[in-house]
C-alpha atoms as a PDB file:
ATOM      1  CA  MET A   1      -5.051 -23.575  -8.978  1.00  0.00           C
ATOM      2  CA  MET A   2      -4.704 -20.191 -10.944  1.00  0.00           C
ATOM      3  CA  SER A   3      -1.592 -18.131 -10.304  1.00  0.00           C
ATOM      4  CA  GLY A   4      -2.001 -14.790  -8.515  1.00  0.00           C
ATOM      5  CA  HIS A   5      -0.271 -11.790  -9.766  1.00  0.00           C
ATOM      6  CA  HIS A   6      -0.278  -8.006  -9.512  1.00  0.00           C
ATOM      7  CA  LEU A   7       1.790  -4.992 -10.484  1.00  0.00           C
ATOM      8  CA  GLU A   8       3.942  -3.946  -7.550  1.00  0.00           C
ATOM      9  CA  SER A   9       5.745  -1.009  -9.341  1.00  0.00           C
ATOM     10  CA  ILE A  10       6.418   0.569 -12.627  1.00  0.00           C
ATOM     11  CA  SER A  11       9.143   3.153 -13.324  1.00  0.00           C
ATOM     12  CA  SER A  12      10.585   4.928 -16.355  1.00  0.00           C
ATOM     13  CA  GLY A  13      12.856   7.654 -17.317  1.00  0.00           C
ATOM     14  CA  CYS A  14      16.258   6.050 -17.377  1.00  0.00           C
ATOM     15  CA  GLY A  15      17.256   6.066 -21.094  1.00  0.00           C
ATOM     16  CA  ASP A  16      13.557   5.605 -21.866  1.00  0.00           C
ATOM     17  CA  ARG A  17      13.477   2.366 -20.268  1.00  0.00           C
ATOM     18  CA  VAL A  18      10.288   1.166 -18.591  1.00  0.00           C
ATOM     19  CA  ALA A  19      10.768  -1.319 -15.746  1.00  0.00           C
ATOM     20  CA  LEU A  20       8.008  -3.395 -13.924  1.00  0.00           C
ATOM     21  CA  ALA A  21       8.109  -5.456 -10.871  1.00  0.00           C
ATOM     22  CA  ILE A  22       5.397  -8.016 -10.772  1.00  0.00           C
ATOM     23  CA  ARG A  23       4.373 -10.281  -7.830  1.00  0.00           C
ATOM     24  CA  TRP A  24       3.844 -13.699  -9.249  1.00  0.00           C
ATOM     25  CA  ASN A  25       2.664 -16.184  -6.457  1.00  0.00           C
ATOM     26  CA  ASP A  26       5.504 -16.093  -4.012  1.00  0.00           C
ATOM     27  CA  ALA A  27       8.120 -14.626  -6.255  1.00  0.00           C
ATOM     28  CA  ARG A  28       8.793 -11.195  -7.938  1.00  0.00           C
ATOM     29  CA  MET A  29       9.415 -10.858 -11.606  1.00  0.00           C
ATOM     30  CA  VAL A  30      11.227  -7.885 -12.750  1.00  0.00           C
ATOM     31  CA  VAL A  31      10.949  -7.027 -16.413  1.00  0.00           C
ATOM     32  CA  ASP A  32      12.845  -4.256 -18.380  1.00  0.00           C
ATOM     33  CA  LEU A  33      11.614  -2.762 -21.618  1.00  0.00           C
ATOM     34  CA  ASP A  34      14.349  -1.194 -23.532  1.00  0.00           C
ATOM     35  CA  PRO A  35      14.164   0.809 -26.864  1.00  0.00           C
ATOM     36  CA  SER A  36      15.312  -1.261 -29.795  1.00  0.00           C
ATOM     37  CA  PRO A  37      17.864  -0.043 -32.380  1.00  0.00           C
ATOM     38  CA  THR A  38      15.164   0.107 -35.068  1.00  0.00           C
ATOM     39  CA  GLY A  39      12.446   1.819 -32.990  1.00  0.00           C
ATOM     40  CA  ASP A  40       9.635  -0.134 -34.476  1.00  0.00           C
ATOM     41  CA  THR A  41       9.120  -3.067 -32.147  1.00  0.00           C
ATOM     42  CA  ILE A  42       6.339  -3.963 -29.742  1.00  0.00           C
ATOM     43  CA  GLN A  43       8.280  -2.614 -26.676  1.00  0.00           C
ATOM     44  CA  ASP A  44       9.071   0.674 -28.594  1.00  0.00           C
ATOM     45  CA  ALA A  45       5.458   1.407 -28.965  1.00  0.00           C
ATOM     46  CA  LEU A  46       4.521   0.667 -25.369  1.00  0.00           C
ATOM     47  CA  ILE A  47       7.572   2.736 -24.017  1.00  0.00           C
ATOM     48  CA  GLU A  48       6.612   5.718 -26.195  1.00  0.00           C
ATOM     49  CA  LYS A  49       3.093   5.754 -25.181  1.00  0.00           C
ATOM     50  CA  TYR A  50       3.727   5.223 -21.536  1.00  0.00           C
ATOM     51  CA  ASN A  51       6.411   7.769 -21.201  1.00  0.00           C
ATOM     52  CA  ALA A  52       4.301  10.390 -23.168  1.00  0.00           C
ATOM     53  CA  ALA A  53       1.497   9.998 -20.588  1.00  0.00           C
ATOM     54  CA  VAL A  54       3.964  10.317 -17.791  1.00  0.00           C
ATOM     55  CA  ASP A  55       5.607  13.417 -19.228  1.00  0.00           C
ATOM     56  CA  ASN A  56       2.122  14.966 -19.951  1.00  0.00           C
ATOM     57  CA  GLU A  57       0.847  14.053 -16.365  1.00  0.00           C
ATOM     58  CA  GLU A  58      -1.997  12.227 -17.933  1.00  0.00           C
ATOM     59  CA  TYR A  59      -2.575  10.021 -14.832  1.00  0.00           C
ATOM     60  CA  GLU A  60      -5.670   8.102 -16.067  1.00  0.00           C
ATOM     61  CA  GLU A  61      -3.811   7.273 -19.413  1.00  0.00           C
ATOM     62  CA  GLU A  62      -0.698   6.289 -17.605  1.00  0.00           C
ATOM     63  CA  GLU A  63      -2.709   3.778 -15.512  1.00  0.00           C
ATOM     64  CA  ILE A  64      -4.381   2.332 -18.635  1.00  0.00           C
ATOM     65  CA  LEU A  65      -0.923   2.003 -20.282  1.00  0.00           C
ATOM     66  CA  SER A  66       0.632   0.381 -17.337  1.00  0.00           C
ATOM     67  CA  ASP A  67      -2.158  -2.344 -17.372  1.00  0.00           C
ATOM     68  CA  GLN A  68      -1.627  -2.841 -21.018  1.00  0.00           C
ATOM     69  CA  ILE A  69       2.185  -3.387 -20.429  1.00  0.00           C
ATOM     70  CA  LEU A  70       1.431  -5.746 -17.724  1.00  0.00           C
ATOM     71  CA  ASP A  71      -0.919  -7.642 -19.806  1.00  0.00           C
ATOM     72  CA  ALA A  72       1.657  -7.896 -22.526  1.00  0.00           C
ATOM     73  CA  ILE A  73       4.155  -9.275 -20.165  1.00  0.00           C
ATOM     74  CA  VAL A  74       1.702 -11.778 -18.657  1.00  0.00           C
ATOM     75  CA  LEU A  75       0.779 -12.984 -22.250  1.00  0.00           C
ATOM     76  CA  ALA A  76       4.407 -13.475 -23.061  1.00  0.00           C
ATOM     77  CA  GLY A  77       5.512 -14.936 -19.869  1.00  0.00           C
ATOM     78  CA  ARG A  78       2.660 -16.808 -18.036  1.00  0.00           C
ATOM     79  CA  SER A  79       4.059 -20.425 -18.680  1.00  0.00           C
ATOM     80  CA  LEU A  80       7.617 -19.292 -17.813  1.00  0.00           C
ATOM     81  CA  PHE A  81       6.530 -17.581 -14.571  1.00  0.00           C
ATOM     82  CA  ASP A  82       4.476 -20.580 -13.603  1.00  0.00           C
ATOM     83  CA  ARG A  83       7.445 -22.822 -13.954  1.00  0.00           C
ATOM     84  CA  LEU A  84       9.631 -20.612 -11.905  1.00  0.00           C
ATOM     85  CA  ALA A  85       6.905 -19.747  -9.229  1.00  0.00           C
ATOM     86  CA  PRO A  86       4.097 -22.304  -9.445  1.00  0.00           C
ATOM     87  CA  PRO A  87       0.759 -21.460  -7.659  1.00  0.00           C
ATOM     88  CA  PRO A  88       0.530 -22.889  -4.160  1.00  0.00           C
ATOM     89  CA  ALA A  89      -1.274 -26.260  -3.652  1.00  0.00           C
ATOM     90  CA  PRO A  90      -5.006 -25.938  -2.702  1.00  0.00           C
ATOM     91  CA  ASP A  91      -4.302 -27.162   0.912  1.00  0.00           C
ATOM     92  CA  ALA A  92      -1.181 -25.244   1.383  1.00  0.00           C
ATOM     93  CA  SER A  93      -0.725 -22.057   3.505  1.00  0.00           C
ATOM     94  CA  SER A  94      -0.325 -18.942   1.374  1.00  0.00           C
ATOM     95  CA  THR A  95       1.094 -16.816   4.240  1.00  0.00           C
ATOM     96  CA  PRO A  96       4.781 -17.010   5.008  1.00  0.00           C
ATOM     97  CA  ALA A  97       5.951 -17.406   8.593  1.00  0.00           C
ATOM     98  CA  ASP A  98       7.535 -14.003   8.861  1.00  0.00           C
ATOM     99  CA  LEU A  99       7.157 -10.482   7.335  1.00  0.00           C
ATOM    100  CA  HIS A 100      10.604 -10.620   5.694  1.00  0.00           C
ATOM    101  CA  SER A 101       9.795 -13.706   3.623  1.00  0.00           C
ATOM    102  CA  LEU A 102       6.596 -12.090   2.488  1.00  0.00           C
ATOM    103  CA  ILE A 103       8.010  -8.670   1.264  1.00  0.00           C
ATOM    104  CA  SER A 104      11.363  -9.861   0.040  1.00  0.00           C
ATOM    105  CA  PRO A 105      10.501 -12.810  -2.226  1.00  0.00           C
ATOM    106  CA  LYS A 106      12.793 -14.584  -4.605  1.00  0.00           C
ATOM    107  CA  GLU A 107      13.399 -12.430  -7.606  1.00  0.00           C
ATOM    108  CA  TYR A 108      13.743 -13.243 -11.377  1.00  0.00           C
ATOM    109  CA  THR A 109      14.787 -10.627 -13.868  1.00  0.00           C
ATOM    110  CA  PHE A 110      14.025 -10.457 -17.695  1.00  0.00           C
ATOM    111  CA  TYR A 111      14.118  -8.437 -20.689  1.00  0.00           C
ATOM    112  CA  PHE A 112      11.002  -7.830 -22.716  1.00  0.00           C
ATOM    113  CA  ARG A 113      11.859  -8.148 -26.492  1.00  0.00           C
ATOM    114  CA  THR A 114      10.157  -8.583 -29.833  1.00  0.00           C
ATOM    115  CA  ASP A 115      10.811 -11.728 -31.909  1.00  0.00           C
ATOM    116  CA  VAL A 116      11.300 -10.108 -35.313  1.00  0.00           C
ATOM    117  CA  ASP A 117      10.523 -13.257 -37.138  1.00  0.00           C
ATOM    118  CA  THR A 118       6.971 -13.748 -35.631  1.00  0.00           C
ATOM    119  CA  ASN A 119       6.454 -10.071 -34.439  1.00  0.00           C
ATOM    120  CA  THR A 120       5.521 -11.486 -30.952  1.00  0.00           C
ATOM    121  CA  ALA A 121       6.748 -10.449 -27.544  1.00  0.00           C
ATOM    122  CA  VAL A 122       9.116 -12.810 -25.754  1.00  0.00           C
ATOM    123  CA  LEU A 123      10.847 -12.669 -22.285  1.00  0.00           C
ATOM    124  CA  ILE A 124      14.636 -13.341 -22.126  1.00  0.00           C
ATOM    125  CA  SER A 125      16.285 -13.944 -18.605  1.00  0.00           C
ATOM    126  CA  LYS A 126      19.013 -11.579 -17.769  1.00  0.00           C
ATOM    127  CA  CYS A 127      20.925 -14.425 -16.268  1.00  0.00           C
ATOM    128  CA  ASP A 128      20.928 -16.223 -19.638  1.00  0.00           C
ATOM    129  CA  GLU A 129      21.835 -13.287 -21.781  1.00  0.00           C
ATOM    130  CA  ASP A 130      24.349 -11.621 -19.493  1.00  0.00           C
ATOM    131  CA  PRO A 131      25.098 -13.220 -16.054  1.00  0.00           C
ATOM    132  CA  ALA A 132      27.046 -10.165 -14.944  1.00  0.00           C
ATOM    133  CA  THR A 133      23.863  -8.051 -15.003  1.00  0.00           C
ATOM    134  CA  HIS A 134      22.074 -10.389 -12.459  1.00  0.00           C
ATOM    135  CA  GLU A 135      22.447  -8.963  -8.887  1.00  0.00           C
ATOM    136  CA  ASP A 136      20.282  -9.451  -5.863  1.00  0.00           C
ATOM    137  CA  THR A 137      18.366  -6.062  -5.417  1.00  0.00           C
ATOM    138  CA  MET A 138      18.151  -4.528  -2.066  1.00  0.00           C
ATOM    139  CA  ALA A 139      15.178  -5.883  -0.050  1.00  0.00           C
ATOM    140  CA  TYR A 140      12.304  -3.546   0.313  1.00  0.00           C
ATOM    141  CA  GLY A 141      13.728  -0.758  -1.998  1.00  0.00           C
ATOM    142  CA  ASP A 142      16.093   1.943  -0.820  1.00  0.00           C
ATOM    143  CA  PHE A 143      13.954   4.340   1.089  1.00  0.00           C
ATOM    144  CA  ASP A 144      14.201   4.974   4.816  1.00  0.00           C
ATOM    145  CA  LEU A 145      11.386   6.503   6.870  1.00  0.00           C
ATOM    146  CA  LYS A 146      12.113   9.303   9.108  1.00  0.00           C
ATOM    147  CA  CYS A 147      10.868   9.088  12.720  1.00  0.00           C
ATOM    148  CA  GLU A 148      11.339  12.680  13.971  1.00  0.00           C
ATOM    149  CA  LEU A 149      10.122  13.368  17.582  1.00  0.00           C
ATOM    150  CA  PRO A 150       9.778  16.818  19.126  1.00  0.00           C
ATOM    151  CA  ALA A 151      12.719  17.810  21.577  1.00  0.00           C
ATOM    152  CA  ASN A 152      12.071  16.601  25.196  1.00  0.00           C
ATOM    153  CA  ASN A 153       9.405  14.157  24.179  1.00  0.00           C
ATOM    154  CA  ASP A 154       9.451  10.892  26.081  1.00  0.00           C
ATOM    155  CA  LEU A 155       7.608   8.741  23.495  1.00  0.00           C
ATOM    156  CA  VAL A 156       9.320   5.437  23.014  1.00  0.00           C
ATOM    157  CA  LEU A 157       8.515   3.303  19.971  1.00  0.00           C
ATOM    158  CA  PRO A 158      10.030  -0.275  19.944  1.00  0.00           C
ATOM    159  CA  LYS A 159      11.619  -1.447  16.733  1.00  0.00           C
ATOM    160  CA  PHE A 160      11.147  -4.933  15.334  1.00  0.00           C
ATOM    161  CA  SER A 161      13.103  -6.613  12.516  1.00  0.00           C
ATOM    162  CA  ALA A 162      10.905  -7.759   9.741  1.00  0.00           C
ATOM    163  CA  LYS A 163      12.130 -11.316  10.467  1.00  0.00           C
ATOM    164  CA  ASP A 164      10.764 -11.129  13.874  1.00  0.00           C
ATOM    165  CA  ILE A 165       7.274 -10.189  12.875  1.00  0.00           C
ATOM    166  CA  HIS A 166       4.826 -13.116  12.373  1.00  0.00           C
ATOM    167  CA  VAL A 167       2.303 -12.754   9.667  1.00  0.00           C
ATOM    168  CA  LEU A 168      -1.169 -13.828  10.737  1.00  0.00           C
ATOM    169  CA  GLU A 169      -3.219 -12.580   7.829  1.00  0.00           C
ATOM    170  CA  LYS A 170      -2.600 -10.698   4.665  1.00  0.00           C
ATOM    171  CA  LEU A 171      -5.132  -7.815   4.498  1.00  0.00           C
ATOM    172  CA  LEU A 172      -3.900  -5.789   1.443  1.00  0.00           C
ATOM    173  CA  GLY A 173      -1.231  -6.771  -1.063  1.00  0.00           C
ATOM    174  CA  ASP A 174       1.767  -8.963  -0.104  1.00  0.00           C
ATOM    175  CA  GLY A 175       2.623  -7.548   3.291  1.00  0.00           C
ATOM    176  CA  TYR A 176       1.761  -4.005   2.695  1.00  0.00           C
ATOM    177  CA  ILE A 177      -1.039  -4.253   5.209  1.00  0.00           C
ATOM    178  CA  ALA A 178      -1.265  -7.250   7.325  1.00  0.00           C
ATOM    179  CA  ARG A 179      -2.428  -8.519  10.725  1.00  0.00           C
ATOM    180  CA  VAL A 180       0.797  -9.627  12.613  1.00  0.00           C
ATOM    181  CA  SER A 181       2.130 -10.712  15.861  1.00  0.00           C
ATOM    182  CA  ALA A 182       5.225  -8.869  17.186  1.00  0.00           C
ATOM    183  CA  GLY A 183       6.676  -8.959  20.705  1.00  0.00           C
ATOM    184  CA  GLY A 184       3.786 -11.127  21.750  1.00  0.00           C
ATOM    185  CA  ARG A 185       1.078  -8.670  20.729  1.00  0.00           C
ATOM    186  CA  GLU A 186      -1.243  -8.651  17.727  1.00  0.00           C
ATOM    187  CA  MET A 187      -0.916  -5.555  15.638  1.00  0.00           C
ATOM    188  CA  CYS A 188      -1.454  -4.274  12.076  1.00  0.00           C
ATOM    189  CA  CYS A 189       1.606  -3.656  10.021  1.00  0.00           C
ATOM    190  CA  LYS A 190       2.025  -1.185   7.094  1.00  0.00           C
ATOM    191  CA  VAL A 191       5.243  -1.694   5.042  1.00  0.00           C
ATOM    192  CA  GLY A 192       6.360   0.732   2.252  1.00  0.00           C
ATOM    193  CA  ASP A 193       7.824   0.208  -1.106  1.00  0.00           C
ATOM    194  CA  GLU A 194       9.279   2.624  -3.792  1.00  0.00           C
ATOM    195  CA  LEU A 195       5.619   3.498  -4.856  1.00  0.00           C
ATOM    196  CA  ARG A 196       4.301   4.026  -1.321  1.00  0.00           C
ATOM    197  CA  ALA A 197       7.256   5.491   0.513  1.00  0.00           C
ATOM    198  CA  ASP A 198       6.042   9.095   0.440  1.00  0.00           C
ATOM    199  CA  ALA A 199       2.384   8.004   1.580  1.00  0.00           C
ATOM    200  CA  LEU A 200       3.756   5.827   4.411  1.00  0.00           C
ATOM    201  CA  GLN A 201       6.054   8.649   5.520  1.00  0.00           C
ATOM    202  CA  ARG A 202       3.082  11.053   5.726  1.00  0.00           C
ATOM    203  CA  GLU A 203       1.165   8.343   7.670  1.00  0.00           C
ATOM    204  CA  LEU A 204       3.944   7.887  10.184  1.00  0.00           C
ATOM    205  CA  SER A 205       4.400  11.676  10.614  1.00  0.00           C
ATOM    206  CA  CYS A 206       0.664  12.119  11.246  1.00  0.00           C
ATOM    207  CA  LEU A 207       0.515   9.165  13.696  1.00  0.00           C
ATOM    208  CA  LEU A 208       3.703  10.635  15.371  1.00  0.00           C
ATOM    209  CA  THR A 209       1.996  13.990  15.875  1.00  0.00           C
ATOM    210  CA  ILE A 210      -1.098  12.393  17.276  1.00  0.00           C
ATOM    211  CA  SER A 211       0.936  10.133  19.688  1.00  0.00           C
ATOM    212  CA  THR A 212       3.215  13.104  20.882  1.00  0.00           C
ATOM    213  CA  SER A 213       0.202  15.417  21.369  1.00  0.00           C
ATOM    214  CA  ASN A 214      -1.074  12.905  23.886  1.00  0.00           C
ATOM    215  CA  SER A 215       2.386  11.954  25.374  1.00  0.00           C
ATOM    216  CA  THR A 216       1.757  13.985  28.591  1.00  0.00           C
ATOM    217  CA  SER A 217      -1.332  11.987  29.281  1.00  0.00           C
ATOM    218  CA  THR A 218      -0.960   9.091  31.866  1.00  0.00           C
ATOM    219  CA  SER A 219      -3.559   6.998  29.905  1.00  0.00           C
ATOM    220  CA  THR A 220      -2.232   4.161  27.854  1.00  0.00           C
ATOM    221  CA  SER A 221      -4.837   4.919  25.077  1.00  0.00           C
ATOM    222  CA  GLN A 222      -5.626   7.907  23.044  1.00  0.00           C
ATOM    223  CA  PRO A 223      -8.602  10.362  23.854  1.00  0.00           C
ATOM    224  CA  ALA A 224     -11.938   8.918  22.592  1.00  0.00           C
ATOM    225  CA  ALA A 225     -12.242  12.035  20.299  1.00  0.00           C
ATOM    226  CA  LEU A 226      -9.181  10.686  18.285  1.00  0.00           C
ATOM    227  CA  ARG A 227     -10.566   7.510  17.037  1.00  0.00           C
ATOM    228  CA  VAL A 228      -7.424   6.397  14.971  1.00  0.00           C
ATOM    229  CA  PRO A 229      -5.169   3.377  15.473  1.00  0.00           C
ATOM    230  CA  LYS A 230      -2.559   4.089  18.005  1.00  0.00           C
ATOM    231  CA  LEU A 231       1.032   3.872  16.823  1.00  0.00           C
ATOM    232  CA  LEU A 232       2.936   1.013  18.590  1.00  0.00           C
ATOM    233  CA  GLY A 233       6.224   0.494  16.857  1.00  0.00           C
ATOM    234  CA  LEU A 234       8.511   0.528  13.850  1.00  0.00           C
ATOM    235  CA  ILE A 235       9.573  -2.071  11.409  1.00  0.00           C
ATOM    236  CA  GLU A 236      13.167  -2.331  10.367  1.00  0.00           C
ATOM    237  CA  ALA A 237      14.699  -3.874   7.206  1.00  0.00           C
ATOM    238  CA  ALA A 238      16.296  -7.267   8.310  1.00  0.00           C
ATOM    239  CA  ASN A 239      19.311  -6.531   6.205  1.00  0.00           C
ATOM    240  CA  ASP A 240      20.327  -3.067   7.233  1.00  0.00           C
ATOM    241  CA  GLY A 241      18.053  -1.708   9.943  1.00  0.00           C
ATOM    242  CA  ARG A 242      16.299   1.036   7.851  1.00  0.00           C
ATOM    243  CA  ILE A 243      12.903   1.850   8.970  1.00  0.00           C
ATOM    244  CA  ILE A 244      10.557   0.421   6.260  1.00  0.00           C
ATOM    245  CA  GLY A 245       7.154   0.349   8.134  1.00  0.00           C
ATOM    246  CA  LEU A 246       5.049   0.942  11.026  1.00  0.00           C
ATOM    247  CA  LEU A 247       2.987  -1.005  13.586  1.00  0.00           C
ATOM    248  CA  THR A 248      -0.365   0.200  14.941  1.00  0.00           C
ATOM    249  CA  GLU A 249      -3.357  -1.194  16.848  1.00  0.00           C
ATOM    250  CA  TYR A 250      -5.128  -3.872  14.991  1.00  0.00           C
ATOM    251  CA  VAL A 251      -8.848  -3.021  14.646  1.00  0.00           C
ATOM    252  CA  PRO A 252     -10.946  -6.085  14.613  1.00  0.00           C
ATOM    253  CA  CYS A 253     -13.864  -5.858  12.308  1.00  0.00           C
ATOM    254  CA  ALA A 254     -17.023  -7.833  11.931  1.00  0.00           C
ATOM    255  CA  ARG A 255     -18.275  -9.536   8.858  1.00  0.00           C
ATOM    256  CA  ARG A 256     -17.107  -8.070   5.554  1.00  0.00           C
ATOM    257  CA  GLU A 257     -20.363  -5.977   4.973  1.00  0.00           C
ATOM    258  CA  LEU A 258     -19.668  -4.118   8.208  1.00  0.00           C
ATOM    259  CA  SER A 259     -15.729  -3.930   8.066  1.00  0.00           C
ATOM    260  CA  THR A 260     -15.844  -0.473   6.644  1.00  0.00           C
ATOM    261  CA  LEU A 261     -18.660   2.067   6.042  1.00  0.00           C
ATOM    262  CA  ARG A 262     -18.286   1.710   2.203  1.00  0.00           C
ATOM    263  CA  ASN A 263     -19.070  -2.064   2.523  1.00  0.00           C
ATOM    264  CA  ILE A 264     -22.513  -1.452   3.885  1.00  0.00           C
ATOM    265  CA  GLU A 265     -24.777  -2.689   1.095  1.00  0.00           C
ATOM    266  CA  SER A 266     -28.131  -1.076   2.486  1.00  0.00           C
ATOM    267  CA  VAL A 267     -27.413   2.017   4.574  1.00  0.00           C
ATOM    268  CA  SER A 268     -31.205   2.265   5.282  1.00  0.00           C
ATOM    269  CA  SER A 269     -31.112  -1.079   6.862  1.00  0.00           C
ATOM    270  CA  ILE A 270     -28.828   0.272   9.735  1.00  0.00           C
ATOM    271  CA  ALA A 271     -30.613   1.885  12.585  1.00  0.00           C
ATOM    272  CA  LYS A 272     -30.650   5.710  12.290  1.00  0.00           C
ATOM    273  CA  ALA A 273     -29.206   6.298  15.818  1.00  0.00           C
ATOM    274  CA  ARG A 274     -26.351   4.027  14.998  1.00  0.00           C
ATOM    275  CA  ARG A 275     -25.518   5.896  11.796  1.00  0.00           C
ATOM    276  CA  GLU A 276     -25.879   9.121  13.636  1.00  0.00           C
ATOM    277  CA  LYS A 277     -23.377   8.067  16.227  1.00  0.00           C
ATOM    278  CA  TRP A 278     -20.858   7.002  13.495  1.00  0.00           C
ATOM    279  CA  ALA A 279     -21.342  10.318  11.801  1.00  0.00           C
ATOM    280  CA  ALA A 280     -20.759  12.285  15.079  1.00  0.00           C
ATOM    281  CA  GLN A 281     -17.617  10.281  15.889  1.00  0.00           C
ATOM    282  CA  ILE A 282     -16.109  10.823  12.440  1.00  0.00           C
ATOM    283  CA  GLN A 283     -16.759  14.624  12.587  1.00  0.00           C
ATOM    284  CA  GLU A 284     -15.459  14.799  16.237  1.00  0.00           C
ATOM    285  CA  THR A 285     -12.250  12.914  15.211  1.00  0.00           C
ATOM    286  CA  VAL A 286     -11.586  15.145  12.187  1.00  0.00           C
ATOM    287  CA  TYR A 287     -12.125  18.320  14.095  1.00  0.00           C
ATOM    288  CA  SER A 288      -9.757  17.158  16.907  1.00  0.00           C
ATOM    289  CA  LEU A 289      -7.161  16.130  14.308  1.00  0.00           C
ATOM    290  CA  HIS A 290      -7.257  19.670  12.846  1.00  0.00           C
ATOM    291  CA  GLN A 291      -6.845  21.027  16.269  1.00  0.00           C
ATOM    292  CA  ILE A 292      -3.223  19.429  16.465  1.00  0.00           C
ATOM    293  CA  GLY A 293      -2.327  20.276  12.780  1.00  0.00           C
ATOM    294  CA  VAL A 294      -3.177  16.948  11.266  1.00  0.00           C
ATOM    295  CA  THR A 295      -5.370  16.411   8.164  1.00  0.00           C
ATOM    296  CA  TRP A 296      -6.910  13.146   7.160  1.00  0.00           C
ATOM    297  CA  GLY A 297      -6.157  13.588   3.491  1.00  0.00           C
ATOM    298  CA  ASP A 298      -7.980  10.867   1.569  1.00  0.00           C
ATOM    299  CA  GLY A 299     -11.279  11.014   3.663  1.00  0.00           C
ATOM    300  CA  LYS A 300     -13.995   8.616   2.347  1.00  0.00           C
ATOM    301  CA  ALA A 301     -16.232   5.896   3.567  1.00  0.00           C
ATOM    302  CA  ASP A 302     -13.684   3.238   2.640  1.00  0.00           C
ATOM    303  CA  ASN A 303     -11.251   4.633   5.150  1.00  0.00           C
ATOM    304  CA  VAL A 304     -13.583   4.273   8.116  1.00  0.00           C
ATOM    305  CA  LEU A 305     -13.523   0.933   9.975  1.00  0.00           C
ATOM    306  CA  ILE A 306     -16.174  -0.301  12.300  1.00  0.00           C
ATOM    307  CA  HIS A 307     -14.830  -1.889  15.526  1.00  0.00           C
ATOM    308  CA  ARG A 308     -16.253  -5.300  16.026  1.00  0.00           C
ATOM    309  CA  ASP A 309     -16.401  -5.012  19.823  1.00  0.00           C
ATOM    310  CA  THR A 310     -17.408  -1.498  20.500  1.00  0.00           C
ATOM    311  CA  ASP A 311     -19.245  -0.589  17.327  1.00  0.00           C
ATOM    312  CA  ASP A 312     -17.327   2.658  17.177  1.00  0.00           C
ATOM    313  CA  VAL A 313     -15.648   4.039  13.976  1.00  0.00           C
ATOM    314  CA  VAL A 314     -12.024   4.133  13.558  1.00  0.00           C
ATOM    315  CA  ILE A 315     -10.473   6.393  10.967  1.00  0.00           C
ATOM    316  CA  VAL A 316      -7.533   4.971   8.976  1.00  0.00           C
ATOM    317  CA  ASP A 317      -5.223   5.766   6.092  1.00  0.00           C
ATOM    318  CA  PHE A 318      -3.270   8.976   6.596  1.00  0.00           C
ATOM    319  CA  GLY A 319      -1.142   8.377   3.540  1.00  0.00           C
ATOM    320  CA  GLY A 320      -2.777  11.282   1.513  1.00  0.00           C
ATOM    321  CA  GLY A 321      -4.024  11.043  -1.895  1.00  0.00           C
ATOM    322  CA  TRP A 322      -7.439  11.694  -3.244  1.00  0.00           C
ATOM    323  CA  THR A 323     -10.516   9.798  -4.525  1.00  0.00           C
ATOM    324  CA  ASN A 324     -12.989  11.244  -6.960  1.00  0.00           C
ATOM    325  CA  GLY A 325     -16.458  11.752  -5.532  1.00  0.00           C
ATOM    326  CA  TRP A 326     -14.913  12.242  -2.008  1.00  0.00           C
ATOM    327  CA  VAL A 327     -11.921  14.530  -2.108  1.00  0.00           C
ATOM    328  CA  SER A 328     -10.542  16.248  -5.135  1.00  0.00           C
ATOM    329  CA  ARG A 329      -6.824  16.248  -5.943  1.00  0.00           C
ATOM    330  CA  GLU A 330      -6.703  19.933  -5.362  1.00  0.00           C
ATOM    331  CA  LEU A 331      -8.126  19.821  -1.844  1.00  0.00           C
ATOM    332  CA  SER A 332      -6.249  16.570  -0.679  1.00  0.00           C
ATOM    333  CA  GLY A 333      -4.463  17.133   2.455  1.00  0.00           C
ATOM    334  CA  THR A 334      -6.295  20.268   3.435  1.00  0.00           C
ATOM    335  CA  VAL A 335      -8.821  21.183   6.111  1.00  0.00           C
ATOM    336  CA  GLU A 336     -11.277  22.139   3.358  1.00  0.00           C
ATOM    337  CA  GLY A 337     -10.939  18.736   1.784  1.00  0.00           C
ATOM    338  CA  ASP A 338     -11.320  16.945   5.061  1.00  0.00           C
ATOM    339  CA  LEU A 339     -14.607  18.921   5.976  1.00  0.00           C
ATOM    340  CA  GLY A 340     -15.925  18.265   2.516  1.00  0.00           C
ATOM    341  CA  ALA A 341     -15.194  14.466   2.986  1.00  0.00           C
ATOM    342  CA  VAL A 342     -16.954  14.550   6.313  1.00  0.00           C
ATOM    343  CA  ARG A 343     -20.164  16.180   4.594  1.00  0.00           C
ATOM    344  CA  LYS A 344     -20.067  13.493   1.952  1.00  0.00           C
ATOM    345  CA  ILE A 345     -19.752  10.699   4.434  1.00  0.00           C
ATOM    346  CA  ARG A 346     -22.891  12.083   6.345  1.00  0.00           C
ATOM    347  CA  GLU A 347     -24.627  12.113   3.038  1.00  0.00           C
ATOM    348  CA  PHE A 348     -23.751   8.534   2.475  1.00  0.00           C
ATOM    349  CA  LEU A 349     -24.947   7.620   5.871  1.00  0.00           C
ATOM    350  CA  GLU A 350     -28.085   9.537   5.095  1.00  0.00           C
ATOM    351  CA  VAL A 351     -27.965  11.569   8.396  1.00  0.00           C
END
């Protein structure tokens, strides 16, 4: 079975160093690229190009170069990584029992260096070269989400340790978005990391505004006009109690091609009345959000779920950002950007 891997984070700026965290099967590989004394090695060229893209705010070039660095590390370290964190057996469960195990895996640290004799990249374990440099990193990163409620608001959000949240299904990444069980209830969890902390803070703030705007209602659910997942709880880091994520209603979706609007392969094959209903629900939800001071941000068809049981839309992802063709970077997080996204979704639905 092939190993699964993806880039979790990349950072630069500390003495021109570039550091990557790579998820490799059930482990995390942290690799540092440091400038060499001679300045003419493989890592020097990668560091110089990547930092130049960052400094010049060339985002597309930055993404291309991060992929190049990742590819160079994988080429140099695949066999080593597979020995340390082999791929799961074909019949083995790939989902850990609890969220903590999923988002805080065993970690290995390396230097990316150039073998001057062969002019090839090699990985050197930090433990082998300098045991004193090897320390366990703080689980989940060092961010702490702020949960600020208006004065005199009686909203109560239960908190769950990551160790007490049972993972049922990974939906995106290694725990970033997952279907979970906590306190005897099925929910959806979103957990942040250093790259996603700002986006998750925005999402939490938006969902708190939505929740508190309805806190005077005696209903246990949000008004139909606000078709967004209800905020149900907060996730605490198991080691120190920091808020690292949130829990919302889980939205069951039908088969993949109807899980989101974007997954519809043939829009014209869907009855027009059904598409008109979805478009009206999206527009109504966005307008209602604007009434309470919340913007969607990254409005697009990918961020509209179709509820399996009700066939109603549910708007998700309040983390901000933008997507070319839907919302421009300049209009992200604005009412104008949201309204433009609604128009483009209507065009996509051909209504």
